[in-house]
Structure formats: C-alpha cells, structure tokens
Amino acid sequence: MIPEIVEIAAVTAGLGLPVALAGLGAMHLLRERSIGTMLAVLAAVPVVVTVAGVAAITMRMIIEGGSRDIVLSVVVIGGLAGLGVAAVLGRRVVAASRRLVAAVHDVPDSGEFTPPRGLPAELGTIAAALDEAYRRIRLGRERERALEGARRELVAWVSHDLRTPLAGMRAMAEALEDGVVSDPETVNRYHARIRLEADRLSGMVDDLFELSRIHAGALRLSRRRIGLGDLVADALAGVEPLARAKGVRLAGSVDPVVPVQADAGELSRALCNLVANAIRHTPAGGTVSVRATVEGGLARLSVTDRCGGIPAEDLPRVFDVAFRGEAARSPRGDGAGAGLGLAIARGIVEAHEGAIGVVNTGPGCRFEIRLPLSK
C-alpha cells in the first residue's frame, strides 16, 4: 500500500511541477492584464494538475471500461466547475474595479468623491483611502483659496495704506518746497508730520517683512530658557509712551516662576503687539492688564482691555491679515499700522508650538497666549 501511495505522489508531483511553473510564467506575462485573466490562470493550474494526475494514475492502475470513464468524467466536470467559478469571480472583481474607476472619473470640480458600494474588502480599502485623499485635497484647496483671498485683500489694503500717507507727505513736501508754507509754526508742524508718517511707513514695511518671513516658514527662532516676568516688564515698558498719550493705565502681574523655552525678541514682539492693540481700543481712563500664570501645565500670557467687546461675527477673523474690525482704511492718529500686528503675533506664537485666542469678558476682551512650559 505504501509503495503505491509513494508512486501516486511521485506521479502527481512530476506532472504538477511543470504545470505550476507554466502557470507562474503565464501569470508573469499577464501581470499587467485584467485580474479576471489572472484568476482564470490561478484556477486552471490546480484543475490541470488534478486532471492530469488522475488520468495518469487511472492509466497506471489500468482501470478499464466504464470505471475509468466515470473517474475521468467526474474530474473533468469538477475542473470545469472550478474554472466557471473563477471566471465569475474574475468578472465580479473586474466589474467592481471598473465601478471604482468610474467613481474616480466622475468626481466633480468640488472634489466630492462618492465611493461605490458593494466593493470587495481590498477595493473598499482603496476607496476609503481615495475618499480621505480627496478630502485632504478639498481642505488644501480651501486653504489655498483662503490664502489667495487674504493675499489679494492684503495687497489692496496695504496699497491704500501706503498711498494715503505718501500723498500727504508729497503734498506737504511740495508746499514747503514751493514756499506756500513759510511761517515757522506751520513748517515745524509739517516737518513733524512728515517724520511721523515716515516712521509709520517704516513700521508697516517692517511688519510686512516679518509677516512674509512667517508665511514663508523662514522665521528662525533662537530659543533659550526665559522667565515671563522679564518679558511682561519689557513689554509694558515698551508701550508705556503709547499708554500715557492715550490716558490708559497699565497693570501687570506674574506668577513667581513661569519659565518657557522661547525666542525672547520674537515673543516680546508678539506680546507688545497685543498690548498696543489693547491700548488703542481702550478708552481714556481705562486699564489694560497683563498677567503671566501657569494653568493646566501651560504658561499663559493674558492681555485684558476695556474695548467694549468684539462682535461675535468678528471673533474668528481677529487674527486675519489686515483685519481692523472697521471698514475705513484711513490712517489714525494713534500710530496704528496696516492691521498686521495680531496676524504677526499669531504667527510668532504658532512658531513656538503655542496657541493664541481671544474671548469677550466683562467690559472688554481678553487675548491669551498659551505656551508649553520649559522642562
């Protein structure tokens, strides 16, 4: 019995090996063809091996007459059934892949991808990945449109902000040059005004340069361990002349130890922008408070003013480029620039892996910077 089994295994292996090699060669040649074709080859290999093995063993065992015909008929029918099932499976897989391709081709300009239903698991995974990819593309396009809109708005607003003081400076310079203005008091006033506008334009250019570095990802931070107490003191000292001219009181408080790993110069600029903005929008006699605390494992810098609050519809736009919260773009006498200060502050804070926000509170609003504590 055992020798017969060994003989059967040897005959089957001898026939199966060349058929399997032929099947692998056929699948290599058809690797870029339809999945259905490759499934047919895959099903044909075991069928051919089985039929050939059974036929060889039947002949070897000298099964005669009807018995041999029955065995061969059963094997052939089984092989044909296997090929039929493989063909049906291949057609279904091909149809599902074509539905997936058609869904991709039918994606509208909006980028809304609708995965077809009833796909095999593998094609369903591909469809889910395509859906996620199209979602990211839509988000990227939305961000691109928002940035393009902000860029156009910034160019229009800054062009106006530059044109207005330049026209005034030119008119005053021509008046002085032509001798239209000659009395010393008016001449001195014109000179002071020209210098004021020149300083304002210089500040706008500096803000534009800083904002361009932030948007280009070229802002290089020189981080070191600093205490927020010194930062708050420097910021209050820097804006004290503006507060005195506006008649606004300044108040500051700092927790004993609030260390952060930050670029002192850049973070100081962000805080100064927030405090200066608070002073400009606080009426005379009001108070602007600056606090540095530790809450929830984060360092928190808050600037509270008495501006009367920000309209709810404007809160999401406060840190947008060139947003002032007013339609007029005429220069103000408080030294305000082109509305870039808050956008610059957000860029600097985010470059420090921090977050910045604003909420209405009491008679005004509170701007808050959150930074990770220094380890």
Protein backbone atom coordinates (compact mmCIF):
# COMPACT_ATOMS: atom_id res chain seq x y z
CA MET A 1 0.00 0.00 0.00
CA ILE A 2 2.72 2.42 0.95
CA PRO A 3 4.70 1.90 -2.28
CA GLU A 4 1.52 2.66 -4.24
CA ILE A 5 0.96 5.90 -2.31
CA VAL A 6 4.56 6.92 -2.92
CA GLU A 7 4.15 6.14 -6.59
CA ILE A 8 0.94 8.17 -6.80
CA ALA A 9 2.59 11.15 -5.04
CA ALA A 10 5.61 10.93 -7.34
CA VAL A 11 3.47 10.84 -10.47
CA THR A 12 1.30 13.75 -9.29
CA ALA A 13 4.36 15.83 -8.30
CA GLY A 14 6.06 15.07 -11.59
CA LEU A 15 3.05 16.32 -13.51
CA GLY A 16 2.24 19.19 -11.15
CA LEU A 17 5.67 20.83 -11.08
CA PRO A 18 5.87 21.72 -14.80
CA VAL A 19 2.23 22.79 -14.81
CA ALA A 20 2.83 25.05 -11.80
CA LEU A 21 5.94 26.56 -13.43
CA ALA A 22 3.96 27.13 -16.61
CA GLY A 23 1.23 28.83 -14.56
CA LEU A 24 3.75 31.12 -12.85
CA GLY A 25 5.21 32.02 -16.24
CA ALA A 26 1.77 32.77 -17.63
CA MET A 27 0.90 34.99 -14.65
CA HIS A 28 4.20 36.86 -15.07
CA LEU A 29 3.42 37.50 -18.72
CA LEU A 30 -0.14 38.57 -17.83
CA ARG A 31 0.82 40.69 -14.79
CA GLU A 32 -0.46 43.87 -16.44
CA ARG A 33 -3.67 42.31 -17.72
CA SER A 34 -7.06 42.04 -16.07
CA ILE A 35 -7.44 40.49 -12.62
CA GLY A 36 -10.05 38.18 -14.13
CA THR A 37 -7.50 36.72 -16.54
CA MET A 38 -5.03 36.07 -13.72
CA LEU A 39 -7.77 34.44 -11.61
CA ALA A 40 -8.57 32.15 -14.56
CA VAL A 41 -4.92 31.12 -14.74
CA LEU A 42 -4.87 30.62 -10.98
CA ALA A 43 -7.90 28.32 -11.17
CA ALA A 44 -6.64 26.47 -14.24
CA VAL A 45 -3.36 25.37 -12.62
CA PRO A 46 -4.85 23.09 -9.89
CA VAL A 47 -7.53 21.84 -12.31
CA VAL A 48 -4.96 20.82 -14.93
CA VAL A 49 -2.74 19.24 -12.28
CA THR A 50 -5.68 17.29 -10.84
CA VAL A 51 -6.97 16.09 -14.22
CA ALA A 52 -3.50 15.09 -15.39
CA GLY A 53 -2.72 13.30 -12.15
CA VAL A 54 -5.98 11.39 -12.03
CA ALA A 55 -5.68 10.44 -15.72
CA ALA A 56 -2.11 9.22 -15.26
CA ILE A 57 -2.95 7.23 -12.14
CA THR A 58 -6.04 5.77 -13.78
CA MET A 59 -3.96 4.60 -16.72
CA ARG A 60 -1.30 3.33 -14.35
CA MET A 61 -3.78 1.32 -12.35
CA ILE A 62 -5.23 0.00 -15.63
CA ILE A 63 -8.78 0.88 -14.77
CA GLU A 64 -10.74 -0.34 -17.73
CA GLY A 65 -14.07 0.47 -19.30
CA GLY A 66 -16.82 2.33 -17.54
CA SER A 67 -14.96 2.84 -14.25
CA ARG A 68 -12.20 4.79 -15.95
CA ASP A 69 -14.69 6.89 -17.91
CA ILE A 70 -16.62 7.70 -14.74
CA VAL A 71 -13.48 8.82 -12.90
CA LEU A 72 -12.30 10.96 -15.78
CA SER A 73 -15.77 12.47 -16.27
CA VAL A 74 -16.01 13.44 -12.59
CA VAL A 75 -12.57 15.07 -12.68
CA VAL A 76 -13.28 16.97 -15.89
CA ILE A 77 -16.63 18.23 -14.62
CA GLY A 78 -15.03 19.31 -11.34
CA GLY A 79 -12.34 21.18 -13.26
CA LEU A 80 -14.85 22.91 -15.48
CA ALA A 81 -16.87 23.92 -12.40
CA GLY A 82 -13.73 25.38 -10.82
CA LEU A 83 -12.93 27.32 -13.98
CA GLY A 84 -16.51 28.61 -14.13
CA VAL A 85 -16.43 29.84 -10.55
CA ALA A 86 -13.06 31.51 -11.16
CA ALA A 87 -14.44 33.20 -14.28
CA VAL A 88 -17.49 34.52 -12.39
CA LEU A 89 -15.28 35.75 -9.54
CA GLY A 90 -12.95 37.42 -12.01
CA ARG A 91 -15.84 39.19 -13.74
CA ARG A 92 -17.14 40.46 -10.41
CA VAL A 93 -13.74 41.76 -9.36
CA VAL A 94 -13.28 43.43 -12.76
CA ALA A 95 -16.77 44.97 -12.57
CA ALA A 96 -16.08 46.29 -9.05
CA SER A 97 -12.75 47.78 -10.14
CA ARG A 98 -14.44 49.43 -13.12
CA ARG A 99 -17.09 50.93 -10.83
CA LEU A 100 -14.32 52.32 -8.62
CA VAL A 101 -12.52 53.81 -11.64
CA ALA A 102 -15.80 55.30 -12.90
CA ALA A 103 -16.42 56.88 -9.47
CA VAL A 104 -12.97 58.47 -9.62
CA HIS A 105 -13.62 59.77 -13.17
CA ASP A 106 -16.96 61.21 -12.07
CA VAL A 107 -15.51 63.30 -9.24
CA PRO A 108 -16.78 66.88 -9.79
CA ASP A 109 -14.65 70.01 -9.59
CA SER A 110 -15.70 70.40 -5.96
CA GLY A 111 -13.72 67.22 -5.15
CA GLU A 112 -16.68 65.34 -3.60
CA PHE A 113 -15.81 61.66 -4.01
CA THR A 114 -18.62 59.10 -3.53
CA PRO A 115 -17.21 55.58 -3.01
CA PRO A 116 -19.31 52.91 -4.74
CA ARG A 117 -20.98 50.34 -2.52
CA GLY A 118 -20.63 46.57 -2.56
CA LEU A 119 -16.89 46.50 -3.26
CA PRO A 120 -14.64 43.64 -2.12
CA ALA A 121 -12.74 44.36 1.09
CA GLU A 122 -9.45 45.26 -0.64
CA LEU A 123 -11.14 47.58 -3.16
CA GLY A 124 -13.19 49.01 -0.30
CA THR A 125 -9.95 49.89 1.49
CA ILE A 126 -8.69 51.59 -1.67
CA ALA A 127 -11.97 53.50 -1.98
CA ALA A 128 -11.69 54.68 1.65
CA ALA A 129 -8.12 55.82 1.03
CA LEU A 130 -9.27 57.71 -2.09
CA ASP A 131 -12.06 59.33 -0.09
CA GLU A 132 -9.54 60.52 2.52
CA ALA A 133 -7.17 61.75 -0.19
CA TYR A 134 -9.93 63.76 -1.89
CA ARG A 135 -10.96 65.18 1.50
CA ARG A 136 -7.42 66.41 2.08
CA ILE A 137 -7.32 67.85 -1.43
CA ARG A 138 -10.55 69.75 -0.73
CA LEU A 139 -9.13 71.11 2.52
CA GLY A 140 -5.93 72.11 0.71
CA ARG A 141 -7.91 73.91 -1.98
CA GLU A 142 -9.99 75.70 0.64
CA ARG A 143 -6.86 76.83 2.45
CA GLU A 144 -5.31 77.90 -0.85
CA ARG A 145 -8.39 79.93 -1.75
CA ALA A 146 -8.45 81.49 1.72
CA LEU A 147 -4.75 82.39 1.49
CA GLU A 148 -5.21 83.78 -2.00
CA GLY A 149 -8.15 85.87 -0.83
CA ALA A 150 -6.16 87.11 2.15
CA ARG A 151 -3.23 87.94 -0.12
CA ARG A 152 -5.41 89.94 -2.50
CA GLU A 153 -7.07 91.71 0.41
CA LEU A 154 -3.70 92.47 1.99
CA VAL A 155 -2.29 93.87 -1.26
CA ALA A 156 -5.37 96.09 -1.74
CA TRP A 157 -5.39 97.35 1.85
CA VAL A 158 -1.66 97.90 2.14
CA SER A 159 -1.62 99.69 -1.21
CA HIS A 160 -4.24 102.07 0.16
CA ASP A 161 -2.42 102.43 3.47
CA LEU A 162 0.81 103.28 1.66
CA ARG A 163 -0.77 105.58 -0.90
CA THR A 164 -2.57 107.80 1.63
CA PRO A 165 0.44 108.85 3.77
CA LEU A 166 2.67 109.11 0.70
CA ALA A 167 0.20 111.51 -0.92
CA GLY A 168 0.08 113.60 2.26
CA MET A 169 3.88 113.65 2.57
CA ARG A 170 4.23 114.65 -1.05
CA ALA A 171 1.71 117.49 -0.67
CA MET A 172 3.47 118.81 2.45
CA ALA A 173 6.91 118.49 0.83
CA GLU A 174 5.73 120.38 -2.27
CA ALA A 175 4.18 123.08 -0.07
CA LEU A 176 7.47 123.51 1.78
CA GLU A 177 9.50 123.42 -1.45
CA ASP A 178 7.31 125.99 -3.24
CA GLY A 179 7.25 128.32 -0.25
CA VAL A 180 3.47 128.07 0.10
CA VAL A 181 4.03 127.49 3.81
CA SER A 182 6.54 129.85 5.37
CA ASP A 183 5.57 130.62 8.96
CA PRO A 184 7.81 128.70 11.39
CA GLU A 185 4.95 127.08 13.33
CA THR A 186 3.37 125.52 10.23
CA VAL A 187 6.75 124.50 8.82
CA ASN A 188 7.62 122.73 12.07
CA ARG A 189 4.24 121.03 12.10
CA TYR A 190 4.73 119.83 8.52
CA HIS A 191 8.21 118.53 9.34
CA ALA A 192 6.89 116.67 12.40
CA ARG A 193 4.03 115.24 10.37
CA ILE A 194 6.35 114.09 7.58
CA ARG A 195 8.60 112.37 10.10
CA LEU A 196 5.60 110.75 11.81
CA GLU A 197 4.32 109.38 8.51
CA ALA A 198 7.83 108.20 7.57
CA ASP A 199 8.08 106.32 10.87
CA ARG A 200 4.64 104.83 10.30
CA LEU A 201 5.58 103.68 6.79
CA SER A 202 8.81 102.21 8.13
CA GLY A 203 6.84 100.27 10.73
CA MET A 204 4.48 98.96 8.04
CA VAL A 205 7.42 97.78 5.93
CA ASP A 206 8.91 96.03 8.96
CA ASP A 207 5.55 94.35 9.66
CA LEU A 208 5.24 93.22 6.04
CA PHE A 209 8.76 91.78 6.11
CA GLU A 210 8.07 89.94 9.37
CA LEU A 211 4.77 88.58 8.04
CA SER A 212 6.41 87.41 4.82
CA ARG A 213 9.04 85.52 6.86
CA ILE A 214 6.32 83.87 8.92
CA HIS A 215 4.26 82.81 5.90
CA ALA A 216 7.36 81.58 4.07
CA GLY A 217 8.41 79.49 7.07
CA ALA A 218 11.65 81.46 7.24
CA LEU A 219 11.21 82.67 10.82
CA ARG A 220 14.26 81.40 12.70
CA LEU A 221 13.89 81.26 16.47
CA SER A 222 16.82 81.49 18.87
CA ARG A 223 15.26 79.72 21.80
CA ARG A 224 16.52 79.82 25.33
CA ARG A 225 15.04 79.46 28.78
CA ILE A 226 13.42 82.75 29.80
CA GLY A 227 11.06 83.90 32.53
CA LEU A 228 7.83 85.57 31.54
CA GLY A 229 8.23 88.13 34.31
CA ASP A 230 11.02 89.92 32.44
CA LEU A 231 9.06 89.60 29.19
CA VAL A 232 5.98 91.27 30.70
CA ALA A 233 8.08 94.04 32.24
CA ASP A 234 9.83 94.78 28.92
CA ALA A 235 6.53 94.80 27.02
CA LEU A 236 4.89 97.22 29.47
CA ALA A 237 7.92 99.49 29.34
CA GLY A 238 7.88 99.49 25.53
CA VAL A 239 4.23 100.57 25.24
CA GLU A 240 4.20 102.99 28.17
CA PRO A 241 4.54 106.11 25.95
CA LEU A 242 1.52 105.00 23.88
CA ALA A 243 -0.50 104.32 27.05
CA ARG A 244 0.45 107.69 28.54
CA ALA A 245 -0.55 109.52 25.36
CA LYS A 246 -3.88 107.68 25.29
CA GLY A 247 -4.53 108.14 29.02
CA VAL A 248 -4.67 104.38 29.66
CA ARG A 249 -3.34 102.73 32.82
CA LEU A 250 -1.17 99.61 32.62
CA ALA A 251 -1.15 96.79 35.17
CA GLY A 252 0.95 93.64 35.24
CA SER A 253 1.14 90.56 37.45
CA VAL A 254 3.30 87.45 37.13
CA ASP A 255 3.38 84.14 39.00
CA PRO A 256 6.68 83.57 40.85
CA VAL A 257 8.18 81.11 38.32
CA VAL A 258 6.89 80.86 34.74
CA PRO A 259 9.79 79.56 32.61
CA VAL A 260 9.41 78.91 28.87
CA GLN A 261 11.76 77.94 26.08
CA ALA A 262 11.35 80.77 23.60
CA ASP A 263 12.93 83.45 21.45
CA ALA A 264 12.76 86.44 23.78
CA GLY A 265 12.81 89.05 21.00
CA GLU A 266 10.08 87.47 18.86
CA LEU A 267 7.82 86.58 21.80
CA SER A 268 8.25 90.09 23.19
CA ARG A 269 7.16 91.49 19.82
CA ALA A 270 4.03 89.31 19.86
CA LEU A 271 3.14 90.44 23.40
CA CYS A 272 3.83 94.09 22.57
CA ASN A 273 1.52 93.84 19.57
CA LEU A 274 -1.27 92.52 21.80
CA VAL A 275 -0.76 95.19 24.47
CA ALA A 276 -0.51 98.02 21.92
CA ASN A 277 -3.71 96.79 20.24
CA ALA A 278 -5.45 96.72 23.65
CA ILE A 279 -4.32 100.27 24.42
CA ARG A 280 -5.59 101.60 21.09
CA HIS A 281 -9.05 100.17 21.69
CA THR A 282 -9.35 101.09 25.39
CA PRO A 283 -10.90 104.49 26.14
CA ALA A 284 -9.03 107.08 28.19
CA GLY A 285 -9.11 106.28 31.87
CA GLY A 286 -9.37 102.54 31.23
CA THR A 287 -6.90 99.86 32.29
CA VAL A 288 -5.02 97.25 30.29
CA SER A 289 -3.91 94.29 32.40
CA VAL A 290 -1.17 91.80 31.53
CA ARG A 291 -0.88 88.55 33.50
CA ALA A 292 1.50 85.59 33.31
CA THR A 293 0.31 82.43 35.04
CA VAL A 294 0.63 78.66 34.93
CA GLU A 295 -2.59 76.72 34.32
CA GLY A 296 -3.07 73.17 33.20
CA GLY A 297 0.64 72.61 32.68
CA LEU A 298 0.89 75.56 30.28
CA ALA A 299 2.29 79.07 30.59
CA ARG A 300 -0.48 81.59 29.94
CA LEU A 301 0.00 85.22 28.95
CA SER A 302 -3.24 87.19 29.01
CA VAL A 303 -3.93 90.77 27.95
CA THR A 304 -7.27 92.19 29.14
CA ASP A 305 -8.65 95.50 27.90
CA ARG A 306 -11.83 97.57 28.13
CA CYS A 307 -12.62 97.85 24.44
CA GLY A 308 -16.32 97.13 24.92
CA GLY A 309 -16.07 93.66 23.38
CA ILE A 310 -15.69 92.31 19.86
CA PRO A 311 -18.77 91.42 17.76
CA ALA A 312 -19.30 87.66 17.71
CA GLU A 313 -19.10 87.56 13.90
CA ASP A 314 -15.67 89.24 14.00
CA LEU A 315 -14.08 86.99 16.65
CA PRO A 316 -12.93 84.30 14.16
CA ARG A 317 -11.32 87.00 11.96
CA VAL A 318 -9.44 88.95 14.62
CA PHE A 319 -6.09 87.35 13.74
CA ASP A 320 -6.61 87.53 9.96
CA VAL A 321 -4.13 89.54 7.94
CA ALA A 322 -5.04 93.26 7.70
CA PHE A 323 -8.22 92.89 9.77
CA ARG A 324 -9.10 96.01 11.74
CA GLY A 325 -12.74 95.46 12.56
CA GLU A 326 -13.73 98.57 10.64
CA ALA A 327 -14.44 99.38 7.02
CA ALA A 328 -12.46 102.63 6.91
CA ARG A 329 -8.82 102.34 5.91
CA SER A 330 -7.82 105.95 6.62
CA PRO A 331 -4.76 106.38 8.85
CA ARG A 332 -5.44 107.01 12.50
CA GLY A 333 -3.51 109.29 14.76
CA ASP A 334 -2.58 106.58 17.26
CA GLY A 335 0.22 105.12 15.15
CA ALA A 336 -1.79 102.12 14.03
CA GLY A 337 -0.30 100.26 11.10
CA ALA A 338 -1.95 98.17 8.43
CA GLY A 339 -3.63 95.78 10.83
CA LEU A 340 -0.81 93.22 10.73
CA GLY A 341 0.09 93.19 14.42
CA LEU A 342 -2.31 90.45 15.50
CA ALA A 343 -1.52 88.29 12.46
CA ILE A 344 2.19 88.61 13.28
CA ALA A 345 1.51 87.73 16.92
CA ARG A 346 -0.34 84.58 15.87
CA GLY A 347 2.48 83.55 13.52
CA ILE A 348 5.12 84.03 16.22
CA VAL A 349 3.13 82.12 18.85
CA GLU A 350 2.40 79.22 16.50
CA ALA A 351 6.10 79.09 15.58
CA HIS A 352 6.70 78.45 19.31
CA GLU A 353 4.23 75.49 19.18
CA GLY A 354 1.80 77.63 21.19
CA ALA A 355 -1.76 78.82 20.70
CA ILE A 356 -3.37 82.24 20.74
CA GLY A 357 -7.02 83.18 21.14
CA VAL A 358 -9.44 85.91 22.17
CA VAL A 359 -12.70 85.94 24.15
CA ASN A 360 -15.07 88.65 25.29
CA THR A 361 -15.01 89.14 29.03
CA GLY A 362 -16.67 91.83 31.17
CA PRO A 363 -16.30 95.33 29.69
CA GLY A 364 -13.74 94.26 27.12
CA CYS A 365 -11.95 91.23 25.76
CA ARG A 366 -9.03 89.02 26.75
CA PHE A 367 -6.26 87.90 24.42
CA GLU A 368 -4.42 84.84 25.65
CA ILE A 369 -1.18 83.16 24.63
CA ARG A 370 -0.60 79.55 25.75
CA LEU A 371 2.92 78.11 25.62
CA PRO A 372 4.45 74.86 26.82
CA LEU A 373 6.49 75.24 29.99
CA SER A 374 10.26 74.82 29.84
CA LYS A 375 11.31 71.40 31.12
